[in-house]
PDB file of all heavy atoms in Angstrom:
ATOM      1  N   LEU A   1      11.842 -11.556   2.871  1.00  0.00           N
ATOM      2  CA  LEU A   1      11.973 -10.436   1.965  1.00  0.00           C
ATOM      3  C   LEU A   1      10.759 -10.595   0.966  1.00  0.00           C
ATOM      4  O   LEU A   1      10.145 -11.619   0.760  1.00  0.00           O
ATOM      5  CB  LEU A   1      13.235 -10.558   1.175  1.00  0.00           C
ATOM      6  CG  LEU A   1      14.533 -10.513   2.010  1.00  0.00           C
ATOM      7  CD1 LEU A   1      15.799 -10.671   1.001  1.00  0.00           C
ATOM      8  CD2 LEU A   1      14.656  -9.209   2.781  1.00  0.00           C
ATOM      9  N   SER A   2      10.525  -9.400   0.308  1.00  0.00           N
ATOM     10  CA  SER A   2       9.466  -9.355  -0.759  1.00  0.00           C
ATOM     11  C   SER A   2       9.951 -10.191  -1.955  1.00  0.00           C
ATOM     12  O   SER A   2      11.180 -10.329  -2.152  1.00  0.00           O
ATOM     13  CB  SER A   2       9.116  -7.945  -1.228  1.00  0.00           C
ATOM     14  OG  SER A   2      10.214  -7.368  -1.882  1.00  0.00           O
ATOM     15  N   ARG A   3       8.960 -10.688  -2.693  1.00  0.00           N
ATOM     16  CA  ARG A   3       9.408 -11.508  -3.845  1.00  0.00           C
ATOM     17  C   ARG A   3      10.188 -10.631  -4.873  1.00  0.00           C
ATOM     18  O   ARG A   3      11.208 -11.063  -5.333  1.00  0.00           O
ATOM     19  CB  ARG A   3       8.160 -12.076  -4.504  1.00  0.00           C
ATOM     20  CG  ARG A   3       8.561 -13.204  -5.569  1.00  0.00           C
ATOM     21  CD  ARG A   3       7.493 -13.618  -6.471  1.00  0.00           C
ATOM     22  NE  ARG A   3       7.904 -14.665  -7.390  1.00  0.00           N
ATOM     23  CZ  ARG A   3       8.662 -14.427  -8.468  1.00  0.00           C
ATOM     24  NH1 ARG A   3       9.008 -13.203  -8.689  1.00  0.00           N
ATOM     25  NH2 ARG A   3       9.120 -15.386  -9.235  1.00  0.00           N
ATOM     26  N   PRO A   4       9.632  -9.420  -5.189  1.00  0.00           N
ATOM     27  CA  PRO A   4      10.410  -8.560  -6.223  1.00  0.00           C
ATOM     28  C   PRO A   4      11.827  -8.293  -5.619  1.00  0.00           C
ATOM     29  O   PRO A   4      12.789  -8.350  -6.329  1.00  0.00           O
ATOM     30  CB  PRO A   4       9.604  -7.353  -6.208  1.00  0.00           C
ATOM     31  CG  PRO A   4       8.187  -7.839  -5.937  1.00  0.00           C
ATOM     32  CD  PRO A   4       8.339  -8.828  -4.909  1.00  0.00           C
ATOM     33  N   GLY A   5      11.932  -7.974  -4.392  1.00  0.00           N
ATOM     34  CA  GLY A   5      13.222  -7.736  -3.800  1.00  0.00           C
ATOM     35  C   GLY A   5      14.140  -8.933  -3.820  1.00  0.00           C
ATOM     36  O   GLY A   5      15.366  -8.821  -4.111  1.00  0.00           O
ATOM     37  N   THR A   6      13.615 -10.098  -3.533  1.00  0.00           N
ATOM     38  CA  THR A   6      14.360 -11.304  -3.580  1.00  0.00           C
ATOM     39  C   THR A   6      14.868 -11.618  -5.004  1.00  0.00           C
ATOM     40  O   THR A   6      16.005 -12.042  -5.225  1.00  0.00           O
ATOM     41  CB  THR A   6      13.552 -12.554  -3.062  1.00  0.00           C
ATOM     42  OG1 THR A   6      13.080 -12.222  -1.809  1.00  0.00           O
ATOM     43  CG2 THR A   6      14.360 -13.842  -3.093  1.00  0.00           C
ATOM     44  N   ASP A   7      14.008 -11.367  -5.961  1.00  0.00           N
ATOM     45  CA  ASP A   7      14.280 -11.533  -7.405  1.00  0.00           C
ATOM     46  C   ASP A   7      15.541 -10.690  -7.783  1.00  0.00           C
ATOM     47  O   ASP A   7      16.454 -11.170  -8.409  1.00  0.00           O
ATOM     48  CB  ASP A   7      13.152 -11.206  -8.238  1.00  0.00           C
ATOM     49  CG  ASP A   7      13.420 -11.659  -9.714  1.00  0.00           C
ATOM     50  OD1 ASP A   7      13.816 -12.774  -9.948  1.00  0.00           O
ATOM     51  OD2 ASP A   7      13.195 -10.752 -10.561  1.00  0.00           O
ATOM     52  N   VAL A   8      15.553  -9.437  -7.287  1.00  0.00           N
ATOM     53  CA  VAL A   8      16.641  -8.499  -7.632  1.00  0.00           C
ATOM     54  C   VAL A   8      17.903  -8.977  -6.989  1.00  0.00           C
ATOM     55  O   VAL A   8      19.020  -9.094  -7.666  1.00  0.00           O
ATOM     56  CB  VAL A   8      16.323  -7.043  -7.165  1.00  0.00           C
ATOM     57  CG1 VAL A   8      17.535  -6.229  -7.254  1.00  0.00           C
ATOM     58  CG2 VAL A   8      15.121  -6.467  -7.986  1.00  0.00           C
ATOM     59  N   VAL A   9      17.873  -9.472  -5.774  1.00  0.00           N
ATOM     60  CA  VAL A   9      19.013  -9.960  -5.099  1.00  0.00           C
ATOM     61  C   VAL A   9      19.590 -11.225  -5.712  1.00  0.00           C
ATOM     62  O   VAL A   9      20.809 -11.320  -5.963  1.00  0.00           O
ATOM     63  CB  VAL A   9      18.654 -10.259  -3.551  1.00  0.00           C
ATOM     64  CG1 VAL A   9      19.917 -10.998  -2.857  1.00  0.00           C
ATOM     65  CG2 VAL A   9      18.380  -8.884  -2.850  1.00  0.00           C
ATOM     66  N   VAL A  10      18.726 -12.115  -6.099  1.00  0.00           N
ATOM     67  CA  VAL A  10      19.161 -13.328  -6.604  1.00  0.00           C
ATOM     68  C   VAL A  10      19.830 -13.149  -7.975  1.00  0.00           C
ATOM     69  O   VAL A  10      20.910 -13.677  -8.329  1.00  0.00           O
ATOM     70  CB  VAL A  10      17.977 -14.321  -6.790  1.00  0.00           C
ATOM     71  CG1 VAL A  10      18.340 -15.468  -7.692  1.00  0.00           C
ATOM     72  CG2 VAL A  10      17.522 -14.860  -5.428  1.00  0.00           C
ATOM     73  N   ARG A  11      19.236 -12.265  -8.783  1.00  0.00           N
ATOM     74  CA  ARG A  11      19.893 -11.920 -10.088  1.00  0.00           C
ATOM     75  C   ARG A  11      21.211 -11.353  -9.890  1.00  0.00           C
ATOM     76  O   ARG A  11      22.218 -11.628 -10.670  1.00  0.00           O
ATOM     77  CB  ARG A  11      19.013 -11.000 -10.829  1.00  0.00           C
ATOM     78  CG  ARG A  11      17.678 -11.657 -11.374  1.00  0.00           C
ATOM     79  CD  ARG A  11      16.840 -10.584 -12.112  1.00  0.00           C
ATOM     80  NE  ARG A  11      15.538 -11.130 -12.486  1.00  0.00           N
ATOM     81  CZ  ARG A  11      15.354 -11.833 -13.541  1.00  0.00           C
ATOM     82  NH1 ARG A  11      16.297 -11.945 -14.432  1.00  0.00           N
ATOM     83  NH2 ARG A  11      14.130 -12.295 -13.893  1.00  0.00           N
ATOM     84  N   GLY A  12      21.376 -10.511  -8.861  1.00  0.00           N
ATOM     85  CA  GLY A  12      22.746  -9.911  -8.576  1.00  0.00           C
ATOM     86  C   GLY A  12      23.658 -10.969  -8.149  1.00  0.00           C
ATOM     87  O   GLY A  12      24.837 -10.923  -8.551  1.00  0.00           O
ATOM     88  N   LEU A  13      23.279 -12.040  -7.324  1.00  0.00           N
ATOM     89  CA  LEU A  13      24.120 -12.990  -6.823  1.00  0.00           C
ATOM     90  C   LEU A  13      24.540 -13.908  -8.035  1.00  0.00           C
ATOM     91  O   LEU A  13      25.713 -14.428  -8.067  1.00  0.00           O
ATOM     92  CB  LEU A  13      23.486 -13.826  -5.747  1.00  0.00           C
ATOM     93  CG  LEU A  13      23.326 -13.090  -4.441  1.00  0.00           C
ATOM     94  CD1 LEU A  13      22.379 -13.978  -3.503  1.00  0.00           C
ATOM     95  CD2 LEU A  13      24.588 -12.762  -3.802  1.00  0.00           C
ATOM     96  N   VAL A  14      23.643 -14.056  -9.022  1.00  0.00           N
ATOM     97  CA  VAL A  14      23.978 -14.931 -10.194  1.00  0.00           C
ATOM     98  C   VAL A  14      25.141 -14.221 -10.956  1.00  0.00           C
ATOM     99  O   VAL A  14      26.111 -14.786 -11.323  1.00  0.00           O
ATOM    100  CB  VAL A  14      22.789 -15.131 -11.097  1.00  0.00           C
ATOM    101  CG1 VAL A  14      23.188 -15.759 -12.462  1.00  0.00           C
ATOM    102  CG2 VAL A  14      21.779 -16.074 -10.375  1.00  0.00           C
ATOM    103  N   THR A  15      24.991 -12.883 -11.129  1.00  0.00           N
ATOM    104  CA  THR A  15      26.039 -12.141 -11.790  1.00  0.00           C
ATOM    105  C   THR A  15      27.352 -12.207 -11.130  1.00  0.00           C
ATOM    106  O   THR A  15      28.344 -12.244 -11.795  1.00  0.00           O
ATOM    107  CB  THR A  15      25.542 -10.652 -11.949  1.00  0.00           C
ATOM    108  OG1 THR A  15      24.309 -10.662 -12.702  1.00  0.00           O
ATOM    109  CG2 THR A  15      26.549  -9.842 -12.688  1.00  0.00           C
ATOM    110  N   GLU A  16      27.228 -12.062  -9.827  1.00  0.00           N
ATOM    111  CA  GLU A  16      28.566 -12.108  -9.041  1.00  0.00           C
ATOM    112  C   GLU A  16      29.184 -13.460  -8.823  1.00  0.00           C
ATOM    113  O   GLU A  16      30.310 -13.565  -8.412  1.00  0.00           O
ATOM    114  CB  GLU A  16      28.302 -11.511  -7.694  1.00  0.00           C
ATOM    115  CG  GLU A  16      27.990  -9.992  -7.709  1.00  0.00           C
ATOM    116  CD  GLU A  16      27.403  -9.601  -6.352  1.00  0.00           C
ATOM    117  OE1 GLU A  16      27.299 -10.352  -5.415  1.00  0.00           O
ATOM    118  OE2 GLU A  16      27.026  -8.350  -6.259  1.00  0.00           O
ATOM    119  N   GLY A  17      28.427 -14.507  -9.277  1.00  0.00           N
ATOM    120  CA  GLY A  17      28.959 -15.862  -9.206  1.00  0.00           C
ATOM    121  C   GLY A  17      28.671 -16.578  -7.944  1.00  0.00           C
ATOM    122  O   GLY A  17      29.056 -17.732  -7.726  1.00  0.00           O
ATOM    123  N   TRP A  18      27.874 -16.067  -7.013  1.00  0.00           N
ATOM    124  CA  TRP A  18      27.557 -16.712  -5.788  1.00  0.00           C
ATOM    125  C   TRP A  18      26.453 -17.768  -5.996  1.00  0.00           C
ATOM    126  O   TRP A  18      26.293 -18.733  -5.131  1.00  0.00           O
ATOM    127  CB  TRP A  18      27.112 -15.746  -4.664  1.00  0.00           C
ATOM    128  CG  TRP A  18      28.220 -14.989  -4.104  1.00  0.00           C
ATOM    129  CD1 TRP A  18      28.629 -13.748  -4.427  1.00  0.00           C
ATOM    130  CD2 TRP A  18      29.093 -15.416  -3.048  1.00  0.00           C
ATOM    131  NE1 TRP A  18      29.760 -13.355  -3.641  1.00  0.00           N
ATOM    132  CE2 TRP A  18      29.995 -14.372  -2.735  1.00  0.00           C
ATOM    133  CE3 TRP A  18      29.141 -16.591  -2.321  1.00  0.00           C
ATOM    134  CZ2 TRP A  18      30.925 -14.448  -1.758  1.00  0.00           C
ATOM    135  CZ3 TRP A  18      30.142 -16.684  -1.294  1.00  0.00           C
ATOM    136  CH2 TRP A  18      31.078 -15.634  -1.060  1.00  0.00           C
ATOM    137  N   VAL A  19      25.589 -17.508  -6.920  1.00  0.00           N
ATOM    138  CA  VAL A  19      24.431 -18.368  -7.112  1.00  0.00           C
ATOM    139  C   VAL A  19      24.404 -18.879  -8.563  1.00  0.00           C
ATOM    140  O   VAL A  19      24.798 -18.146  -9.614  1.00  0.00           O
ATOM    141  CB  VAL A  19      23.116 -17.615  -6.877  1.00  0.00           C
ATOM    142  CG1 VAL A  19      21.848 -18.310  -7.274  1.00  0.00           C
ATOM    143  CG2 VAL A  19      23.088 -17.289  -5.338  1.00  0.00           C
ATOM    144  N   GLN A  20      23.953 -20.110  -8.792  1.00  0.00           N
ATOM    145  CA  GLN A  20      23.787 -20.706 -10.163  1.00  0.00           C
ATOM    146  C   GLN A  20      22.402 -21.012 -10.495  1.00  0.00           C
ATOM    147  O   GLN A  20      21.554 -21.331  -9.607  1.00  0.00           O
ATOM    148  CB  GLN A  20      24.597 -21.977 -10.188  1.00  0.00           C
ATOM    149  CG  GLN A  20      26.071 -21.780 -10.071  1.00  0.00           C
ATOM    150  CD  GLN A  20      26.854 -23.111 -10.023  1.00  0.00           C
ATOM    151  OE1 GLN A  20      26.428 -24.042  -9.303  1.00  0.00           O
ATOM    152  NE2 GLN A  20      27.976 -23.163 -10.594  1.00  0.00           N
ATOM    153  N   VAL A  21      22.034 -20.898 -11.819  1.00  0.00           N
ATOM    154  CA  VAL A  21      20.695 -21.199 -12.288  1.00  0.00           C
ATOM    155  C   VAL A  21      20.683 -22.754 -12.480  1.00  0.00           C
ATOM    156  O   VAL A  21      21.590 -23.228 -13.136  1.00  0.00           O
ATOM    157  CB  VAL A  21      20.406 -20.485 -13.510  1.00  0.00           C
ATOM    158  CG1 VAL A  21      18.979 -20.839 -14.050  1.00  0.00           C
ATOM    159  CG2 VAL A  21      20.434 -18.916 -13.325  1.00  0.00           C
ATOM    160  N   VAL A  22      19.587 -23.364 -11.966  1.00  0.00           N
ATOM    161  CA  VAL A  22      19.439 -24.846 -12.218  1.00  0.00           C
ATOM    162  C   VAL A  22      18.466 -24.962 -13.345  1.00  0.00           C
ATOM    163  O   VAL A  22      17.319 -24.631 -13.301  1.00  0.00           O
ATOM    164  CB  VAL A  22      18.928 -25.527 -10.983  1.00  0.00           C
ATOM    165  CG1 VAL A  22      18.704 -27.025 -11.256  1.00  0.00           C
ATOM    166  CG2 VAL A  22      19.825 -25.230  -9.792  1.00  0.00           C
ATOM    167  N   GLU A  23      19.058 -25.504 -14.456  1.00  0.00           N
ATOM    168  CA  GLU A  23      18.169 -25.763 -15.630  1.00  0.00           C
ATOM    169  C   GLU A  23      17.152 -26.832 -15.445  1.00  0.00           C
ATOM    170  O   GLU A  23      17.488 -27.893 -14.770  1.00  0.00           O
ATOM    171  CB  GLU A  23      18.988 -26.034 -16.845  1.00  0.00           C
ATOM    172  CG  GLU A  23      20.010 -24.982 -17.288  1.00  0.00           C
ATOM    173  CD  GLU A  23      19.332 -23.680 -17.596  1.00  0.00           C
ATOM    174  OE1 GLU A  23      18.192 -23.711 -18.068  1.00  0.00           O
ATOM    175  OE2 GLU A  23      19.960 -22.655 -17.486  1.00  0.00           O
ATOM    176  N   PRO A  24      15.911 -26.699 -15.781  1.00  0.00           N
ATOM    177  CA  PRO A  24      14.880 -27.674 -15.660  1.00  0.00           C
ATOM    178  C   PRO A  24      15.367 -28.992 -16.331  1.00  0.00           C
ATOM    179  O   PRO A  24      15.965 -28.993 -17.433  1.00  0.00           O
ATOM    180  CB  PRO A  24      13.625 -27.176 -16.349  1.00  0.00           C
ATOM    181  CG  PRO A  24      14.120 -25.945 -17.241  1.00  0.00           C
ATOM    182  CD  PRO A  24      15.403 -25.494 -16.632  1.00  0.00           C
ATOM    183  N   ASP A  25      14.904 -30.154 -15.807  1.00  0.00           N
ATOM    184  CA  ASP A  25      15.305 -31.432 -16.293  1.00  0.00           C
ATOM    185  C   ASP A  25      14.318 -32.013 -17.318  1.00  0.00           C
ATOM    186  O   ASP A  25      14.445 -33.015 -17.842  1.00  0.00           O
ATOM    187  CB  ASP A  25      15.453 -32.474 -15.199  1.00  0.00           C
ATOM    188  CG  ASP A  25      14.268 -32.586 -14.325  1.00  0.00           C
ATOM    189  OD1 ASP A  25      13.159 -32.155 -14.730  1.00  0.00           O
ATOM    190  OD2 ASP A  25      14.366 -33.231 -13.228  1.00  0.00           O
ATOM    191  N   GLY A  26      13.210 -31.239 -17.570  1.00  0.00           N
ATOM    192  CA  GLY A  26      12.171 -31.611 -18.531  1.00  0.00           C
ATOM    193  C   GLY A  26      11.237 -32.617 -18.087  1.00  0.00           C
ATOM    194  O   GLY A  26      10.300 -33.036 -18.743  1.00  0.00           O
ATOM    195  N   SER A  27      11.168 -32.834 -16.704  1.00  0.00           N
ATOM    196  CA  SER A  27      10.294 -33.836 -16.123  1.00  0.00           C
ATOM    197  C   SER A  27       8.855 -33.216 -15.818  1.00  0.00           C
ATOM    198  O   SER A  27       7.866 -33.912 -15.650  1.00  0.00           O
ATOM    199  CB  SER A  27      10.860 -34.370 -14.850  1.00  0.00           C
ATOM    200  OG  SER A  27      11.110 -33.438 -13.887  1.00  0.00           O
ATOM    201  N   SER A  28       8.909 -31.929 -15.745  1.00  0.00           N
ATOM    202  CA  SER A  28       7.553 -31.249 -15.400  1.00  0.00           C
ATOM    203  C   SER A  28       6.878 -30.760 -16.644  1.00  0.00           C
ATOM    204  O   SER A  28       7.463 -30.504 -17.675  1.00  0.00           O
ATOM    205  CB  SER A  28       7.838 -30.109 -14.454  1.00  0.00           C
ATOM    206  OG  SER A  28       8.665 -29.147 -15.023  1.00  0.00           O
ATOM    207  N   VAL A  29       5.549 -30.590 -16.527  1.00  0.00           N
ATOM    208  CA  VAL A  29       4.748 -30.158 -17.637  1.00  0.00           C
ATOM    209  C   VAL A  29       4.597 -28.622 -17.628  1.00  0.00           C
ATOM    210  O   VAL A  29       4.509 -28.024 -16.484  1.00  0.00           O
ATOM    211  CB  VAL A  29       3.325 -30.692 -17.590  1.00  0.00           C
ATOM    212  CG1 VAL A  29       2.440 -30.163 -18.748  1.00  0.00           C
ATOM    213  CG2 VAL A  29       3.446 -32.280 -17.619  1.00  0.00           C
ATOM    214  N   GLY A  30       4.659 -28.000 -18.698  1.00  0.00           N
ATOM    215  CA  GLY A  30       4.533 -26.593 -18.722  1.00  0.00           C
ATOM    216  C   GLY A  30       5.874 -25.840 -18.531  1.00  0.00           C
ATOM    217  O   GLY A  30       7.003 -26.491 -18.462  1.00  0.00           O
TER     218      GLY A  30
END
């Protein structure tokens, strides 16, 4: 899928509860 399309789908799945956001662990720079 296109990146913009995937982004829309993922956001919808987060809202519906199928997908969770993984918070960064602080190990990466930036």
